[in-house]
Amino acid sequence: MDVIKASQEIMELFIRAVHKYNGFEKIPVKVGSNFDLYHSERHTLDKVGDHSGVNVTEFAKAVGITKGAVSQVVKKLETKGFVKRYKSGHNNKEVFVELTGAGRNFYIKHKKTNETTLKPLIEELKKYPDDKIEFLISIFTWLCEYLDQGRKQMKEHK
């Protein structure tokens, strides 16, 4: 196999997948009669539900985005009544986030939706041996690290 050609094809497919995924970012989901939640907001609610009571800094690291981006989304979700922020009793600078009752209700419903959404991927992965799945995970892990490095280098050359 021509590794150069394969790497170009992989990057083209990855970019195409990213563009398709980004299309989801722009489509809001109606929640009740009052609110639209965008993908980034839904994803943030999922992560807050998974890591209840986490501080914003740890949350940003876990999700792989900046603290500023987390703060923006959390502020929108707080305005909509899905999360609340609170400060640590020990450190006034440390801000924590947790779901409200409405946020918890959405989180539970959305988890079920995510399970349904993942079913086709799960069925596809069942066709492959574990070592191929582990390889795919390692490639995506490497790609994330590679993109982090590229982003860091671009910031340094501003």
N, C-alpha and C. Protein backbone atom coordinates (compact mmCIF):
# COMPACT_ATOMS: atom_id res chain seq x y z
N MET A 1 0.84 -1.18 0.00
CA MET A 1 0.00 0.00 0.00
C MET A 1 0.88 1.24 0.00
N ASP A 2 0.48 2.22 -0.77
CA ASP A 2 1.18 3.50 -0.83
C ASP A 2 0.76 4.33 0.39
N VAL A 3 1.68 4.48 1.33
CA VAL A 3 1.36 5.15 2.60
C VAL A 3 1.01 6.63 2.38
N ILE A 4 1.70 7.28 1.45
CA ILE A 4 1.41 8.69 1.19
C ILE A 4 -0.02 8.84 0.66
N LYS A 5 -0.37 8.01 -0.30
CA LYS A 5 -1.72 8.06 -0.87
C LYS A 5 -2.77 7.71 0.20
N ALA A 6 -2.48 6.72 1.00
CA ALA A 6 -3.41 6.31 2.07
C ALA A 6 -3.59 7.44 3.08
N SER A 7 -2.49 8.12 3.45
CA SER A 7 -2.60 9.21 4.43
C SER A 7 -3.42 10.36 3.87
N GLN A 8 -3.26 10.65 2.58
CA GLN A 8 -4.07 11.70 1.95
C GLN A 8 -5.55 11.32 1.95
N GLU A 9 -5.84 10.07 1.63
CA GLU A 9 -7.22 9.61 1.61
C GLU A 9 -7.84 9.65 3.01
N ILE A 10 -7.06 9.24 4.01
CA ILE A 10 -7.54 9.28 5.39
C ILE A 10 -7.87 10.72 5.80
N MET A 11 -6.97 11.66 5.48
CA MET A 11 -7.22 13.05 5.85
C MET A 11 -8.43 13.61 5.12
N GLU A 12 -8.58 13.28 3.84
CA GLU A 12 -9.75 13.75 3.09
C GLU A 12 -11.04 13.20 3.69
N LEU A 13 -11.04 11.93 4.04
CA LEU A 13 -12.23 11.33 4.66
C LEU A 13 -12.50 11.95 6.03
N PHE A 14 -11.43 12.19 6.78
CA PHE A 14 -11.58 12.81 8.10
C PHE A 14 -12.19 14.21 7.96
N ILE A 15 -11.67 15.00 7.04
CA ILE A 15 -12.17 16.36 6.83
C ILE A 15 -13.63 16.32 6.39
N ARG A 16 -13.97 15.39 5.51
CA ARG A 16 -15.36 15.25 5.08
C ARG A 16 -16.25 14.91 6.27
N ALA A 17 -15.78 13.99 7.12
CA ALA A 17 -16.55 13.61 8.31
C ALA A 17 -16.72 14.80 9.26
N VAL A 18 -15.66 15.59 9.43
CA VAL A 18 -15.72 16.77 10.29
C VAL A 18 -16.76 17.76 9.77
N HIS A 19 -16.76 17.98 8.45
CA HIS A 19 -17.74 18.91 7.87
C HIS A 19 -19.17 18.41 8.09
N LYS A 20 -19.37 17.11 7.92
CA LYS A 20 -20.70 16.55 8.15
C LYS A 20 -21.09 16.68 9.62
N TYR A 21 -20.15 16.39 10.50
CA TYR A 21 -20.42 16.52 11.93
C TYR A 21 -20.73 17.97 12.29
N ASN A 22 -19.97 18.90 11.73
CA ASN A 22 -20.20 20.32 12.01
C ASN A 22 -21.60 20.76 11.59
N GLY A 23 -22.17 20.09 10.60
CA GLY A 23 -23.54 20.39 10.21
C GLY A 23 -24.52 20.16 11.34
N PHE A 24 -24.24 19.17 12.19
CA PHE A 24 -25.08 18.91 13.35
C PHE A 24 -25.03 20.05 14.36
N GLU A 25 -23.89 20.73 14.42
CA GLU A 25 -23.71 21.82 15.37
C GLU A 25 -24.72 22.94 15.15
N LYS A 26 -25.16 23.09 13.90
CA LYS A 26 -26.03 24.21 13.55
C LYS A 26 -27.51 23.91 13.69
N ILE A 27 -27.85 22.66 13.98
CA ILE A 27 -29.26 22.26 14.04
C ILE A 27 -29.71 22.21 15.51
N PRO A 28 -30.58 23.15 15.90
CA PRO A 28 -31.07 23.12 17.28
C PRO A 28 -32.17 22.08 17.46
N VAL A 29 -32.29 21.60 18.68
CA VAL A 29 -33.37 20.68 19.04
C VAL A 29 -34.30 21.43 19.98
N LYS A 30 -35.57 21.38 19.69
CA LYS A 30 -36.58 22.05 20.52
C LYS A 30 -36.75 21.29 21.83
N VAL A 31 -36.64 22.00 22.94
CA VAL A 31 -36.84 21.41 24.26
C VAL A 31 -38.04 22.12 24.88
N GLY A 32 -39.13 21.41 24.99
CA GLY A 32 -40.35 22.05 25.46
C GLY A 32 -40.80 23.09 24.44
N SER A 33 -41.48 24.11 24.91
CA SER A 33 -41.93 25.15 23.98
C SER A 33 -41.07 26.40 24.07
N ASN A 34 -40.12 26.40 25.00
CA ASN A 34 -39.36 27.62 25.25
C ASN A 34 -37.95 27.66 24.69
N PHE A 35 -37.30 26.51 24.54
CA PHE A 35 -35.87 26.54 24.28
C PHE A 35 -35.45 25.69 23.09
N ASP A 36 -34.44 26.18 22.41
CA ASP A 36 -33.70 25.39 21.43
C ASP A 36 -32.35 25.10 22.07
N LEU A 37 -31.89 23.87 21.94
CA LEU A 37 -30.55 23.52 22.42
C LEU A 37 -29.72 23.09 21.23
N TYR A 38 -28.58 23.74 21.07
CA TYR A 38 -27.65 23.38 20.00
C TYR A 38 -26.79 22.21 20.44
N HIS A 39 -26.14 21.60 19.47
CA HIS A 39 -25.34 20.40 19.74
C HIS A 39 -24.33 20.64 20.85
N SER A 40 -23.63 21.76 20.80
CA SER A 40 -22.62 22.03 21.84
C SER A 40 -23.27 22.11 23.22
N GLU A 41 -24.48 22.64 23.29
CA GLU A 41 -25.19 22.72 24.57
C GLU A 41 -25.63 21.34 25.03
N ARG A 42 -26.15 20.53 24.10
CA ARG A 42 -26.57 19.17 24.46
C ARG A 42 -25.37 18.35 24.92
N HIS A 43 -24.25 18.48 24.20
CA HIS A 43 -23.04 17.75 24.54
C HIS A 43 -22.54 18.18 25.92
N THR A 44 -22.59 19.47 26.19
CA THR A 44 -22.16 19.98 27.49
C THR A 44 -23.05 19.45 28.60
N LEU A 45 -24.37 19.42 28.37
CA LEU A 45 -25.28 18.85 29.38
C LEU A 45 -24.96 17.39 29.64
N ASP A 46 -24.65 16.64 28.58
CA ASP A 46 -24.26 15.24 28.75
C ASP A 46 -23.03 15.13 29.64
N LYS A 47 -22.03 15.94 29.36
CA LYS A 47 -20.78 15.86 30.11
C LYS A 47 -20.95 16.33 31.55
N VAL A 48 -21.75 17.37 31.76
CA VAL A 48 -22.00 17.82 33.13
C VAL A 48 -22.74 16.72 33.89
N GLY A 49 -23.69 16.08 33.23
CA GLY A 49 -24.41 14.97 33.86
C GLY A 49 -23.51 13.80 34.19
N ASP A 50 -22.55 13.54 33.30
CA ASP A 50 -21.60 12.44 33.53
C ASP A 50 -20.59 12.77 34.63
N HIS A 51 -20.28 14.06 34.79
CA HIS A 51 -19.25 14.50 35.75
C HIS A 51 -19.84 15.55 36.69
N SER A 52 -20.93 15.24 37.33
CA SER A 52 -21.63 16.20 38.17
C SER A 52 -20.71 16.77 39.24
N GLY A 53 -20.81 18.08 39.42
CA GLY A 53 -20.02 18.75 40.44
C GLY A 53 -18.57 18.96 40.07
N VAL A 54 -18.25 18.88 38.78
CA VAL A 54 -16.87 19.07 38.34
C VAL A 54 -16.59 20.57 38.21
N ASN A 55 -15.32 20.95 38.43
CA ASN A 55 -15.01 22.36 38.25
C ASN A 55 -14.76 22.65 36.77
N VAL A 56 -14.90 23.91 36.40
CA VAL A 56 -14.84 24.31 34.99
C VAL A 56 -13.49 23.95 34.37
N THR A 57 -12.41 24.11 35.09
CA THR A 57 -11.08 23.80 34.56
C THR A 57 -10.95 22.32 34.23
N GLU A 58 -11.33 21.46 35.16
CA GLU A 58 -11.27 20.01 34.92
C GLU A 58 -12.21 19.61 33.79
N PHE A 59 -13.37 20.25 33.76
CA PHE A 59 -14.36 19.96 32.73
C PHE A 59 -13.80 20.29 31.35
N ALA A 60 -13.17 21.45 31.21
CA ALA A 60 -12.58 21.86 29.93
C ALA A 60 -11.53 20.86 29.47
N LYS A 61 -10.69 20.41 30.39
CA LYS A 61 -9.67 19.41 30.05
C LYS A 61 -10.30 18.10 29.61
N ALA A 62 -11.33 17.66 30.33
CA ALA A 62 -11.98 16.39 30.02
C ALA A 62 -12.65 16.42 28.65
N VAL A 63 -13.22 17.57 28.30
CA VAL A 63 -13.94 17.69 27.03
C VAL A 63 -13.01 18.08 25.89
N GLY A 64 -11.88 18.69 26.22
CA GLY A 64 -10.91 19.06 25.19
C GLY A 64 -11.18 20.41 24.55
N ILE A 65 -11.80 21.32 25.31
CA ILE A 65 -12.02 22.68 24.81
C ILE A 65 -11.53 23.67 25.86
N THR A 66 -11.51 24.94 25.50
CA THR A 66 -10.97 25.95 26.42
C THR A 66 -11.95 26.25 27.55
N LYS A 67 -11.41 26.80 28.64
CA LYS A 67 -12.26 27.21 29.76
C LYS A 67 -13.23 28.29 29.31
N GLY A 68 -12.77 29.16 28.43
CA GLY A 68 -13.64 30.22 27.92
C GLY A 68 -14.83 29.67 27.16
N ALA A 69 -14.58 28.65 26.33
CA ALA A 69 -15.67 28.02 25.58
C ALA A 69 -16.66 27.34 26.52
N VAL A 70 -16.13 26.66 27.54
CA VAL A 70 -17.00 26.01 28.53
C VAL A 70 -17.84 27.07 29.23
N SER A 71 -17.21 28.15 29.64
CA SER A 71 -17.92 29.21 30.37
C SER A 71 -19.05 29.80 29.53
N GLN A 72 -18.81 29.99 28.23
CA GLN A 72 -19.85 30.54 27.35
C GLN A 72 -21.06 29.62 27.26
N VAL A 73 -20.80 28.34 27.03
CA VAL A 73 -21.91 27.38 26.90
C VAL A 73 -22.63 27.23 28.23
N VAL A 74 -21.87 27.15 29.32
CA VAL A 74 -22.47 27.00 30.65
C VAL A 74 -23.36 28.21 30.97
N LYS A 75 -22.90 29.40 30.59
CA LYS A 75 -23.70 30.61 30.84
C LYS A 75 -25.03 30.53 30.10
N LYS A 76 -25.01 30.09 28.84
CA LYS A 76 -26.25 29.93 28.06
C LYS A 76 -27.17 28.91 28.72
N LEU A 77 -26.59 27.79 29.15
CA LEU A 77 -27.39 26.74 29.78
C LEU A 77 -27.95 27.19 31.13
N GLU A 78 -27.18 28.01 31.83
CA GLU A 78 -27.66 28.53 33.11
C GLU A 78 -28.84 29.48 32.88
N THR A 79 -28.74 30.32 31.85
CA THR A 79 -29.84 31.23 31.51
C THR A 79 -31.10 30.45 31.16
N LYS A 80 -30.93 29.30 30.51
CA LYS A 80 -32.07 28.47 30.12
C LYS A 80 -32.57 27.59 31.26
N GLY A 81 -31.85 27.59 32.39
CA GLY A 81 -32.29 26.86 33.57
C GLY A 81 -31.88 25.40 33.62
N PHE A 82 -30.86 25.01 32.84
CA PHE A 82 -30.45 23.60 32.80
C PHE A 82 -29.26 23.28 33.71
N VAL A 83 -28.46 24.28 34.04
CA VAL A 83 -27.32 24.06 34.94
C VAL A 83 -27.24 25.21 35.93
N LYS A 84 -26.49 24.98 36.99
CA LYS A 84 -26.18 26.07 37.91
C LYS A 84 -24.70 26.02 38.22
N ARG A 85 -24.16 27.21 38.41
CA ARG A 85 -22.75 27.35 38.78
C ARG A 85 -22.69 27.72 40.25
N TYR A 86 -21.63 27.27 40.89
CA TYR A 86 -21.42 27.66 42.28
C TYR A 86 -19.93 27.65 42.56
N LYS A 87 -19.54 28.42 43.55
CA LYS A 87 -18.12 28.53 43.90
C LYS A 87 -17.79 27.58 45.04
N SER A 88 -16.55 27.15 45.04
CA SER A 88 -16.05 26.26 46.08
C SER A 88 -16.03 27.00 47.42
N GLY A 89 -16.29 26.27 48.47
CA GLY A 89 -16.19 26.85 49.80
C GLY A 89 -14.75 27.14 50.19
N HIS A 90 -13.80 26.44 49.55
CA HIS A 90 -12.38 26.59 49.88
C HIS A 90 -11.68 27.62 49.02
N ASN A 91 -12.13 27.77 47.78
CA ASN A 91 -11.43 28.62 46.83
C ASN A 91 -12.46 29.40 46.02
N ASN A 92 -12.50 30.71 46.21
CA ASN A 92 -13.50 31.55 45.54
C ASN A 92 -13.34 31.59 44.02
N LYS A 93 -12.16 31.27 43.52
CA LYS A 93 -11.93 31.29 42.07
C LYS A 93 -12.43 30.02 41.40
N GLU A 94 -12.58 28.97 42.16
CA GLU A 94 -12.95 27.67 41.60
C GLU A 94 -14.47 27.61 41.41
N VAL A 95 -14.89 27.45 40.13
CA VAL A 95 -16.31 27.41 39.80
C VAL A 95 -16.70 25.99 39.41
N PHE A 96 -17.79 25.52 40.00
CA PHE A 96 -18.30 24.18 39.72
C PHE A 96 -19.62 24.30 38.96
N VAL A 97 -19.96 23.23 38.24
CA VAL A 97 -21.20 23.20 37.46
C VAL A 97 -21.94 21.91 37.77
N GLU A 98 -23.26 22.03 37.92
CA GLU A 98 -24.08 20.83 38.08
C GLU A 98 -25.43 21.05 37.40
N LEU A 99 -26.11 19.96 37.11
CA LEU A 99 -27.42 20.03 36.46
C LEU A 99 -28.49 20.48 37.44
N THR A 100 -29.47 21.23 36.93
CA THR A 100 -30.67 21.54 37.71
C THR A 100 -31.66 20.39 37.48
N GLY A 101 -32.84 20.48 38.05
CA GLY A 101 -33.87 19.46 37.81
C GLY A 101 -34.20 19.34 36.33
N ALA A 102 -34.38 20.49 35.66
CA ALA A 102 -34.68 20.48 34.22
C ALA A 102 -33.50 19.89 33.44
N GLY A 103 -32.29 20.24 33.86
CA GLY A 103 -31.10 19.69 33.21
C GLY A 103 -31.00 18.19 33.38
N ARG A 104 -31.31 17.70 34.57
CA ARG A 104 -31.28 16.26 34.85
C ARG A 104 -32.32 15.54 33.99
N ASN A 105 -33.53 16.10 33.87
CA ASN A 105 -34.57 15.50 33.03
C ASN A 105 -34.11 15.41 31.57
N PHE A 106 -33.53 16.51 31.06
CA PHE A 106 -33.04 16.49 29.69
C PHE A 106 -31.92 15.46 29.54
N TYR A 107 -31.01 15.44 30.51
CA TYR A 107 -29.87 14.52 30.48
C TYR A 107 -30.35 13.07 30.36
N ILE A 108 -31.33 12.68 31.14
CA ILE A 108 -31.84 11.31 31.12
C ILE A 108 -32.46 10.99 29.76
N LYS A 109 -33.27 11.90 29.23
CA LYS A 109 -33.89 11.69 27.91
C LYS A 109 -32.83 11.63 26.81
N HIS A 110 -31.87 12.53 26.91
CA HIS A 110 -30.84 12.61 25.86
C HIS A 110 -29.92 11.39 25.89
N LYS A 111 -29.68 10.83 27.06
CA LYS A 111 -28.88 9.60 27.16
C LYS A 111 -29.54 8.48 26.37
N LYS A 112 -30.87 8.37 26.48
CA LYS A 112 -31.60 7.35 25.73
C LYS A 112 -31.50 7.61 24.23
N THR A 113 -31.58 8.87 23.83
CA THR A 113 -31.44 9.23 22.42
C THR A 113 -30.04 8.85 21.93
N ASN A 114 -29.03 9.15 22.74
CA ASN A 114 -27.65 8.81 22.36
C ASN A 114 -27.46 7.31 22.20
N GLU A 115 -28.08 6.53 23.07
CA GLU A 115 -27.99 5.07 22.97
C GLU A 115 -28.55 4.60 21.63
N THR A 116 -29.68 5.17 21.23
CA THR A 116 -30.29 4.83 19.94
C THR A 116 -29.39 5.26 18.79
N THR A 117 -28.80 6.44 18.91
CA THR A 117 -27.91 6.96 17.87
C THR A 117 -26.66 6.09 17.73
N LEU A 118 -26.17 5.54 18.83
CA LEU A 118 -24.95 4.72 18.79
C LEU A 118 -25.18 3.30 18.29
N LYS A 119 -26.41 2.84 18.26
CA LYS A 119 -26.68 1.45 17.87
C LYS A 119 -26.07 1.08 16.52
N PRO A 120 -26.22 1.91 15.47
CA PRO A 120 -25.60 1.53 14.18
C PRO A 120 -24.07 1.39 14.27
N LEU A 121 -23.42 2.28 15.03
CA LEU A 121 -21.97 2.18 15.20
C LEU A 121 -21.61 0.92 15.96
N ILE A 122 -22.35 0.62 17.00
CA ILE A 122 -22.10 -0.60 17.78
C ILE A 122 -22.23 -1.83 16.89
N GLU A 123 -23.28 -1.86 16.08
CA GLU A 123 -23.49 -3.00 15.18
C GLU A 123 -22.35 -3.10 14.17
N GLU A 124 -21.89 -1.97 13.67
CA GLU A 124 -20.77 -1.98 12.71
C GLU A 124 -19.50 -2.48 13.39
N LEU A 125 -19.22 -2.01 14.60
CA LEU A 125 -18.00 -2.42 15.30
C LEU A 125 -18.01 -3.90 15.67
N LYS A 126 -19.18 -4.47 15.85
CA LYS A 126 -19.28 -5.90 16.17
C LYS A 126 -18.73 -6.78 15.04
N LYS A 127 -18.63 -6.22 13.85
CA LYS A 127 -18.14 -6.97 12.69
C LYS A 127 -16.62 -7.15 12.72
N TYR A 128 -15.94 -6.41 13.59
CA TYR A 128 -14.49 -6.37 13.58
C TYR A 128 -13.90 -6.97 14.85
N PRO A 129 -12.71 -7.55 14.73
CA PRO A 129 -12.03 -8.05 15.94
C PRO A 129 -11.56 -6.89 16.82
N ASP A 130 -11.35 -7.19 18.08
CA ASP A 130 -10.94 -6.17 19.05
C ASP A 130 -9.70 -5.40 18.62
N ASP A 131 -8.73 -6.10 18.03
CA ASP A 131 -7.48 -5.41 17.67
C ASP A 131 -7.71 -4.33 16.61
N LYS A 132 -8.67 -4.53 15.72
CA LYS A 132 -8.97 -3.50 14.71
C LYS A 132 -9.67 -2.31 15.35
N ILE A 133 -10.54 -2.58 16.30
CA ILE A 133 -11.23 -1.49 17.01
C ILE A 133 -10.22 -0.70 17.84
N GLU A 134 -9.32 -1.40 18.52
CA GLU A 134 -8.27 -0.74 19.31
C GLU A 134 -7.37 0.09 18.40
N PHE A 135 -7.09 -0.40 17.20
CA PHE A 135 -6.29 0.35 16.23
C PHE A 135 -7.01 1.64 15.84
N LEU A 136 -8.29 1.54 15.57
CA LEU A 136 -9.07 2.72 15.20
C LEU A 136 -9.06 3.75 16.32
N ILE A 137 -9.23 3.29 17.55
CA ILE A 137 -9.18 4.18 18.71
C ILE A 137 -7.80 4.84 18.81
N SER A 138 -6.75 4.07 18.59
CA SER A 138 -5.40 4.64 18.68
C SER A 138 -5.16 5.67 17.58
N ILE A 139 -5.69 5.45 16.40
CA ILE A 139 -5.54 6.42 15.31
C ILE A 139 -6.26 7.73 15.66
N PHE A 140 -7.49 7.62 16.16
CA PHE A 140 -8.22 8.83 16.53
C PHE A 140 -7.56 9.54 17.70
N THR A 141 -7.01 8.80 18.64
CA THR A 141 -6.28 9.40 19.76
C THR A 141 -5.07 10.16 19.24
N TRP A 142 -4.32 9.52 18.36
CA TRP A 142 -3.15 10.17 17.76
C TRP A 142 -3.57 11.42 17.00
N LEU A 143 -4.65 11.32 16.23
CA LEU A 143 -5.11 12.45 15.43
C LEU A 143 -5.49 13.63 16.32
N CYS A 144 -6.15 13.37 17.44
CA CYS A 144 -6.49 14.45 18.38
C CYS A 144 -5.23 15.12 18.91
N GLU A 145 -4.24 14.33 19.28
CA GLU A 145 -2.98 14.88 19.79
C GLU A 145 -2.26 15.68 18.70
N TYR A 146 -2.28 15.16 17.48
CA TYR A 146 -1.65 15.84 16.34
C TYR A 146 -2.32 17.19 16.10
N LEU A 147 -3.64 17.22 16.13
CA LEU A 147 -4.37 18.47 15.92
C LEU A 147 -4.13 19.45 17.06
N ASP A 148 -4.02 18.96 18.30
CA ASP A 148 -3.70 19.83 19.43
C ASP A 148 -2.34 20.49 19.22
N GLN A 149 -1.37 19.71 18.76
CA GLN A 149 -0.02 20.25 18.51
C GLN A 149 -0.05 21.28 17.40
N GLY A 150 -0.78 20.98 16.33
CA GLY A 150 -0.89 21.91 15.21
C GLY A 150 -1.52 23.22 15.64
N ARG A 151 -2.55 23.13 16.45
CA ARG A 151 -3.22 24.33 16.96
C ARG A 151 -2.29 25.15 17.84
N LYS A 152 -1.52 24.45 18.67
CA LYS A 152 -0.56 25.12 19.55
C LYS A 152 0.50 25.86 18.72
N GLN A 153 1.00 25.20 17.69
CA GLN A 153 2.01 25.82 16.83
C GLN A 153 1.45 27.03 16.09
N MET A 154 0.21 26.93 15.64
CA MET A 154 -0.40 28.06 14.94
C MET A 154 -0.55 29.26 15.87
N LYS A 155 -0.91 29.02 17.13
CA LYS A 155 -1.04 30.10 18.11
C LYS A 155 0.31 30.76 18.37
N GLU A 156 1.37 29.96 18.39
CA GLU A 156 2.71 30.49 18.66
C GLU A 156 3.21 31.36 17.52
N HIS A 157 2.72 31.14 16.31
CA HIS A 157 3.20 31.87 15.13
C HIS A 157 2.28 33.02 14.72
N LYS A 158 1.38 33.41 15.62
CA LYS A 158 0.48 34.54 15.31
C LYS A 158 1.25 35.82 15.22
